[in-house]
Protein backbone atom coordinates (compact mmCIF):
# COMPACT_ATOMS: atom_id res chain seq x y z
CA MET A 1 0.02 0.06 0.03
CA PHE A 2 0.96 3.70 -0.19
CA ALA A 3 0.98 6.31 2.54
CA ALA A 4 1.77 10.03 2.75
CA VAL A 5 4.71 10.41 5.14
CA TYR A 6 5.05 13.75 6.81
CA TYR A 7 8.55 15.27 7.33
CA ASN A 8 7.49 18.95 7.48
CA ASN A 9 4.90 21.18 5.85
CA ARG A 10 6.96 21.39 2.64
CA ASP A 11 8.11 17.76 2.55
CA VAL A 12 5.32 15.14 2.37
CA ARG A 13 6.45 11.96 0.56
CA ILE A 14 4.42 9.12 -0.89
CA GLN A 15 6.05 5.96 0.26
CA LYS A 16 5.21 2.27 -0.06
CA MET A 17 4.80 0.13 3.04
CA PRO A 18 3.20 -3.22 3.83
CA VAL A 19 -0.51 -3.57 4.44
CA PRO A 20 -0.78 -3.93 8.27
CA GLU A 21 -1.42 -7.41 9.62
CA ILE A 22 -4.19 -7.59 12.23
CA ALA A 23 -4.58 -9.73 15.37
CA ALA A 24 -7.72 -11.58 16.44
CA ASP A 25 -9.03 -8.54 18.35
CA GLU A 26 -8.32 -5.95 15.67
CA LEU A 27 -9.77 -4.39 12.47
CA LEU A 28 -8.26 -3.56 9.16
CA LEU A 29 -9.82 -0.41 7.69
CA LYS A 30 -9.67 0.66 4.10
CA VAL A 31 -9.40 4.43 4.40
CA MET A 32 -11.90 6.31 2.15
CA ALA A 33 -11.44 9.79 3.56
CA SER A 34 -9.27 11.59 6.05
CA GLY A 35 -9.20 15.34 6.67
CA ILE A 36 -6.12 17.39 7.16
CA CYS A 37 -6.45 18.99 10.62
CA GLY A 38 -5.04 22.41 11.45
CA SER A 39 -2.87 20.75 14.01
CA ASP A 40 -1.31 18.67 11.28
CA VAL A 41 0.48 21.73 9.92
CA ILE A 42 1.74 23.12 13.28
CA GLU A 43 5.38 22.34 12.84
CA TRP A 44 6.49 22.85 16.48
CA TYR A 45 3.89 20.19 17.34
CA ARG A 46 4.48 17.74 14.44
CA VAL A 47 8.11 17.98 13.27
CA PRO A 48 9.77 16.62 16.47
CA LYS A 49 7.95 13.27 15.89
CA ALA A 50 8.56 13.22 12.13
CA PRO A 51 8.79 11.34 9.82
CA ARG A 52 5.41 9.80 10.41
CA VAL A 53 1.98 9.15 8.71
CA LEU A 54 -0.50 11.71 10.11
CA GLY A 55 -4.26 11.67 9.76
CA HIS A 56 -6.60 11.27 12.70
CA GLU A 57 -10.01 11.92 11.12
CA ALA A 58 -10.26 8.69 9.21
CA THR A 59 -13.40 7.05 7.87
CA GLY A 60 -13.56 3.95 5.74
CA VAL A 61 -14.78 0.39 5.16
CA ILE A 62 -13.85 -2.60 7.31
CA VAL A 63 -12.09 -5.08 5.01
CA LYS A 64 -10.89 -7.52 7.68
CA ALA A 65 -12.17 -8.29 11.16
CA GLY A 66 -10.28 -10.44 13.67
CA GLU A 67 -12.02 -13.58 14.80
CA ASN A 68 -12.64 -12.21 18.31
CA VAL A 69 -14.07 -8.90 17.20
CA GLN A 70 -17.81 -8.49 18.07
CA GLY A 71 -20.20 -5.88 16.82
CA TYR A 72 -18.40 -5.02 13.55
CA CYS A 73 -18.40 -6.88 10.19
CA VAL A 74 -16.52 -6.69 6.92
CA GLY A 75 -18.25 -4.09 4.86
CA ASP A 76 -19.24 -1.80 7.71
CA ARG A 77 -18.76 1.93 7.06
CA VAL A 78 -17.16 3.44 10.16
CA PHE A 79 -15.26 6.29 11.69
CA ALA A 80 -12.30 5.16 13.91
CA SER A 81 -11.05 7.31 16.77
CA HIS A 82 -7.35 7.57 16.84
CA HIS A 83 -7.11 8.09 20.73
CA VAL A 84 -9.17 6.34 23.36
CA PRO A 85 -9.13 6.76 27.18
CA CYS A 86 -8.82 3.97 29.73
CA ASN A 87 -12.03 5.10 31.56
CA LYS A 88 -10.47 3.85 34.86
CA CYS A 89 -7.79 6.35 35.96
CA ARG A 90 -8.51 9.36 38.22
CA TYR A 91 -8.52 11.74 35.16
CA CYS A 92 -11.20 9.70 33.34
CA LEU A 93 -13.20 9.32 36.47
CA SER A 94 -13.22 13.05 37.09
CA GLY A 95 -14.31 13.81 33.50
CA HIS A 96 -10.82 14.79 32.21
CA HIS A 97 -10.52 11.93 29.66
CA THR A 98 -8.21 13.85 27.40
CA ALA A 99 -5.68 14.03 30.20
CA CYS A 100 -5.57 10.21 30.39
CA GLU A 101 -2.21 8.66 29.64
CA THR A 102 -3.87 5.80 27.78
CA LEU A 103 -5.56 8.33 25.49
CA HIS A 104 -2.18 9.91 24.75
CA THR A 105 -0.49 6.55 23.92
CA THR A 106 -3.23 4.85 21.79
CA ASN A 107 -3.41 5.22 18.08
CA TYR A 108 -4.26 3.32 14.92
CA TYR A 109 -1.44 2.36 12.57
CA PRO A 110 0.05 3.94 10.50
CA GLY A 111 -2.22 6.92 10.19
CA GLY A 112 -5.20 8.16 8.23
CA PHE A 113 -3.15 9.27 5.26
CA ALA A 114 -2.54 5.64 4.27
CA GLN A 115 -4.65 3.33 2.18
CA PHE A 116 -5.24 0.94 5.11
CA ILE A 117 -4.99 1.24 8.86
CA ARG A 118 -4.80 -1.33 11.63
CA VAL A 119 -7.28 -0.52 14.52
CA PRO A 120 -5.98 -1.97 17.78
CA ARG A 121 -8.12 -3.81 20.22
CA ILE A 122 -8.64 -0.93 22.71
CA ASN A 123 -9.65 1.32 19.80
CA VAL A 124 -12.11 -1.32 18.42
CA GLU A 125 -13.71 -1.61 21.88
CA ARG A 126 -13.90 2.09 22.76
CA GLY A 127 -13.51 4.11 19.51
CA VAL A 128 -15.15 2.76 16.35
CA TYR A 129 -18.50 4.23 15.32
CA LYS A 130 -20.71 3.01 12.42
CA LEU A 131 -21.71 5.79 10.04
CA PRO A 132 -25.41 6.42 9.31
CA ALA A 133 -26.46 5.27 5.86
CA ASP A 134 -27.01 8.79 4.69
CA MET A 135 -23.65 10.13 5.98
CA SER A 136 -20.81 10.30 3.45
CA PHE A 137 -17.22 9.33 4.24
CA GLU A 138 -16.33 12.95 3.84
CA GLU A 139 -18.95 14.16 6.29
CA GLY A 140 -17.76 11.51 8.69
CA THR A 141 -14.28 13.01 8.84
CA PHE A 142 -15.82 15.91 10.75
CA ILE A 143 -16.84 13.75 13.69
CA GLU A 144 -13.56 14.21 15.50
CA PRO A 145 -13.05 17.98 14.87
CA LEU A 146 -16.66 18.74 15.80
CA ALA A 147 -16.33 16.58 18.96
CA CYS A 148 -13.40 18.69 19.98
CA VAL A 149 -15.58 21.75 19.51
CA VAL A 150 -18.41 20.20 21.51
CA ARG A 151 -16.06 19.52 24.39
CA GLY A 152 -14.57 23.02 24.28
CA GLN A 153 -17.89 24.79 24.34
CA ARG A 154 -19.14 22.58 27.22
CA LEU A 155 -16.01 23.29 29.27
CA ALA A 156 -16.32 26.96 28.58
CA GLY A 157 -19.93 26.98 29.61
CA VAL A 158 -21.24 28.60 26.46
CA ARG A 159 -24.94 29.64 27.03
CA LYS A 160 -27.75 30.87 24.74
CA GLU A 161 -27.63 34.25 26.33
CA ASP A 162 -23.89 34.82 25.92
CA ALA A 163 -22.18 37.06 23.47
CA VAL A 164 -19.43 34.89 21.98
CA LEU A 165 -16.27 35.92 20.20
CA ILE A 166 -14.39 33.36 18.10
CA ILE A 167 -10.91 34.46 17.13
CA GLY A 168 -9.77 32.57 14.02
CA SER A 169 -12.18 31.53 11.27
CA GLY A 170 -10.53 28.38 9.94
CA ILE A 171 -12.21 24.92 10.25
CA SER A 172 -12.29 24.87 14.15
CA GLY A 173 -13.50 28.46 14.32
CA LEU A 174 -16.28 27.91 11.79
CA LEU A 175 -17.41 24.73 13.60
CA HIS A 176 -17.57 26.78 16.79
CA VAL A 177 -19.69 29.33 15.03
CA GLN A 178 -22.01 26.71 13.67
CA LEU A 179 -22.35 24.84 16.97
CA ALA A 180 -22.97 28.02 18.91
CA LYS A 181 -25.68 28.98 16.41
CA ALA A 182 -27.24 25.49 16.49
CA ASN A 183 -27.42 25.81 20.28
CA GLY A 184 -29.29 29.04 20.19
CA VAL A 185 -26.61 31.63 20.73
CA LYS A 186 -27.67 34.89 19.06
CA GLU A 187 -24.62 37.11 19.29
CA ILE A 188 -21.69 35.41 17.56
CA PHE A 189 -18.70 37.46 16.63
CA ALA A 190 -16.05 35.92 14.35
CA ALA A 191 -12.60 37.62 13.93
CA ASP A 192 -9.83 36.89 11.50
CA ILE A 193 -7.27 38.72 9.35
CA ASN A 194 -8.19 36.84 6.21
CA PRO A 195 -11.01 38.37 4.12
CA TYR A 196 -11.92 34.94 2.58
CA ARG A 197 -12.39 33.38 5.96
CA LEU A 198 -14.36 36.35 7.25
CA GLY A 199 -16.72 35.80 4.33
CA MET A 200 -17.04 32.11 5.28
CA ALA A 201 -17.77 33.12 8.91
CA GLU A 202 -20.77 35.17 7.67
CA LYS A 203 -21.83 32.31 5.47
CA PHE A 204 -21.81 29.81 8.27
CA GLY A 205 -23.73 31.90 10.78
CA ALA A 206 -21.65 34.52 12.56
CA SER A 207 -23.71 37.57 13.46
CA HIS A 208 -20.69 39.81 12.89
CA ALA A 209 -17.43 39.12 11.04
CA ILE A 210 -14.71 41.44 12.22
CA ASN A 211 -11.21 42.17 10.80
CA ALA A 212 -8.90 41.33 13.74
CA VAL A 213 -6.21 43.87 12.65
CA GLY A 214 -6.09 46.79 15.06
CA ASN A 215 -8.19 47.43 18.14
CA LEU A 216 -10.48 44.31 18.21
CA ALA A 217 -11.76 45.15 21.74
CA GLY A 218 -12.86 48.58 20.59
CA ARG A 219 -14.64 47.22 17.55
CA LEU A 220 -16.53 44.77 19.78
CA LYS A 221 -17.63 47.53 22.02
CA GLU A 222 -18.87 49.57 19.05
CA ILE A 223 -21.02 46.68 17.84
CA ASN A 224 -22.04 45.15 21.15
CA GLY A 225 -23.58 48.19 22.91
CA GLY A 226 -20.46 49.30 24.68
CA ARG A 227 -19.58 46.02 26.31
CA LEU A 228 -17.15 43.19 25.66
CA VAL A 229 -18.12 39.51 25.31
CA ASP A 230 -19.04 36.79 27.80
CA LYS A 231 -17.02 34.06 26.05
CA VAL A 232 -13.87 34.26 23.97
CA ILE A 233 -12.77 31.20 22.03
CA VAL A 234 -9.26 31.32 20.61
CA CYS A 235 -8.99 29.13 17.51
CA THR A 236 -5.61 30.12 16.16
CA GLY A 237 -2.07 29.78 17.63
CA ALA A 238 -1.15 33.35 16.63
CA THR A 239 0.35 35.18 19.50
CA GLN A 240 -1.68 38.36 18.71
CA ALA A 241 -4.88 36.33 18.93
CA ALA A 242 -3.92 35.21 22.42
CA LEU A 243 -3.13 38.78 23.51
CA ALA A 244 -6.38 40.09 21.90
CA ALA A 245 -8.45 37.49 23.80
CA LEU A 246 -7.22 38.94 27.09
CA GLU A 247 -8.60 42.31 26.09
CA CYS A 248 -11.99 41.20 24.69
CA VAL A 249 -13.54 39.31 27.66
CA ASP A 250 -16.15 41.04 29.82
CA LYS A 251 -16.36 40.95 33.59
CA GLY A 252 -17.34 37.45 34.79
CA GLY A 253 -16.48 36.09 31.39
CA THR A 254 -14.42 33.14 30.17
CA ILE A 255 -11.63 32.74 27.70
CA LEU A 256 -11.19 29.29 26.17
CA PHE A 257 -7.83 28.56 24.62
CA PHE A 258 -8.90 25.97 22.00
CA ALA A 259 -5.62 26.69 20.22
CA VAL A 260 -2.41 27.91 21.79
CA PRO A 261 0.78 29.67 20.67
CA ASP A 262 3.97 27.67 20.39
CA PRO A 263 5.76 26.77 23.68
CA THR A 264 8.30 29.52 23.40
CA VAL A 265 5.57 32.23 23.68
CA LYS A 266 4.80 33.56 27.15
CA VAL A 267 1.36 35.17 27.38
CA PRO A 268 1.26 37.99 29.98
CA VAL A 269 -2.05 37.51 31.84
CA PRO A 270 -3.40 40.53 33.64
CA VAL A 271 -4.10 38.35 36.74
CA THR A 272 -4.97 41.22 39.07
CA ASP A 273 -7.62 42.61 36.79
CA PHE A 274 -8.90 39.12 36.08
CA TRP A 275 -8.99 38.40 39.80
CA ARG A 276 -11.01 41.53 40.56
CA ASN A 277 -13.43 40.86 37.69
CA GLU A 278 -13.78 37.10 38.15
CA ILE A 279 -12.55 36.21 34.69
CA THR A 280 -11.82 32.58 33.97
CA ILE A 281 -9.24 31.13 31.58
CA LYS A 282 -10.00 27.61 30.37
CA THR A 283 -8.30 25.21 27.96
CA SER A 284 -9.64 22.21 26.11
CA TYR A 285 -7.80 19.42 24.23
CA GLY A 286 -9.13 16.71 22.02
CA ALA A 287 -12.34 14.81 22.54
CA ALA A 288 -13.64 12.01 24.76
CA PRO A 289 -16.05 9.23 23.78
CA ASN A 290 -19.10 11.17 25.01
CA ASP A 291 -18.10 14.09 22.83
CA LEU A 292 -17.65 11.90 19.82
CA GLU A 293 -21.13 10.34 20.37
CA GLU A 294 -22.62 13.88 20.64
CA SER A 295 -20.82 14.98 17.51
CA LEU A 296 -22.06 11.98 15.57
CA ALA A 297 -25.60 12.75 16.68
CA ILE A 298 -25.31 16.45 15.65
CA LEU A 299 -23.85 15.54 12.22
CA GLY A 300 -26.47 12.79 11.78
CA GLY A 301 -29.23 15.27 12.54
CA LYS A 302 -27.82 17.78 9.96
CA LYS A 303 -27.64 20.45 12.64
CA VAL A 304 -24.38 21.84 11.20
CA ASN A 305 -23.38 22.13 7.54
CA VAL A 306 -20.07 20.48 7.02
CA ARG A 307 -20.47 19.51 3.41
CA ASP A 308 -20.08 23.08 2.26
CA MET A 309 -16.87 23.54 4.35
CA ILE A 310 -14.99 21.11 2.12
CA THR A 311 -13.09 23.16 -0.32
CA HIS A 312 -10.50 20.68 -1.65
CA ARG A 313 -10.39 16.91 -2.28
CA PHE A 314 -7.13 15.15 -3.20
CA GLY A 315 -5.96 11.63 -3.85
CA LEU A 316 -3.09 10.32 -1.80
CA ARG A 317 -0.48 11.41 -4.47
CA GLN A 318 -1.58 15.05 -4.09
CA ALA A 319 -1.27 15.01 -0.37
CA ALA A 320 1.64 17.45 -0.42
CA GLU A 321 -0.59 20.01 -2.19
CA GLY A 322 -3.22 19.51 0.56
CA PHE A 323 -0.66 20.18 3.28
CA ARG A 324 0.50 23.27 1.39
CA LEU A 325 -3.06 24.70 1.24
CA MET A 326 -3.63 24.03 4.95
CA ALA A 327 -0.30 25.57 5.92
CA GLU A 328 -0.93 28.71 3.86
CA ALA A 329 -4.41 29.13 5.30
CA GLY A 330 -5.49 31.12 2.32
CA ALA A 331 -8.58 30.47 0.21
CA SER A 332 -9.25 27.09 1.60
CA LEU A 333 -11.11 25.49 4.52
CA LYS A 334 -11.42 21.75 4.80
CA VAL A 335 -8.99 19.67 2.74
CA ILE A 336 -9.90 15.96 2.44
CA ILE A 337 -7.40 13.26 1.41
CA GLU A 338 -9.02 10.20 -0.24
CA PRO A 339 -6.24 7.51 -0.11
CA ASN A 340 -8.02 4.95 -2.25
CA SER A 341 -9.57 7.25 -4.88
CA GLU A 342 -6.88 6.64 -7.48
């Protein structure tokens, strides 16, 4: 089989490797679609572990099932979760599944940008979801990213009555816009420096799309009756976005760092002002099984429009072009790799 092996954003190589062998408790999945995540092109995050086959949003068809596997059959159309928690440790039991060591050490092999992947036993037991008959493989690739958004908004405590600012209008930002709108939030502000993405924010439901260059807090006050916002969701790792978030949250509000700057960046938090005004800073990482199940239900109910978020589709041999588009973050949103389309 062939796989797209990531070395860096400008070096993605198509290499041949053996089709994985499976054990009695495992599945072999023929990958039909796998989305390139924004995190896949964050080099400080990815390059230290390169070379490797990325891709953690894989959907496909089961082509082999181990003799001990129950509940899944050859021919089933499924989404496979790359990370699964143990559901036993103190972090899982307290609801912090994405802090679980098991979650951080489980994965399917070699990655979603390969023609076939081996799904290990623990992933089979806790992380494989059958796709509804009317859900395409492409739509299924949104199960994981939307689940991350579901988790983030739950942890941030987003409410219908909140004014919400989402900084960064890439895929994650636009999923936040759509989920907030689907949940009844009326005042949704989207900020970005890219005119194309601001247009997409309006298309997908933002009440206001604001150019983030300059005094973002001042623009918010002009539009929002003189006040800042209750929730700020940061969906870009740009340092300026993190700094702007600190200035845009209202008293009693919450900032959610859904994306973060690289580890060398130190964000100066005005802790005295935040203390006096009871402002909360939250983070969220990844998704747990309950988030994935909720995401699947939302997508199955057509409550968010993901089909129109797909701007590019490539076969495996064009994977490098897909990574280039994602890294440039220009006139593109969701880029899907279809490893078996050629």
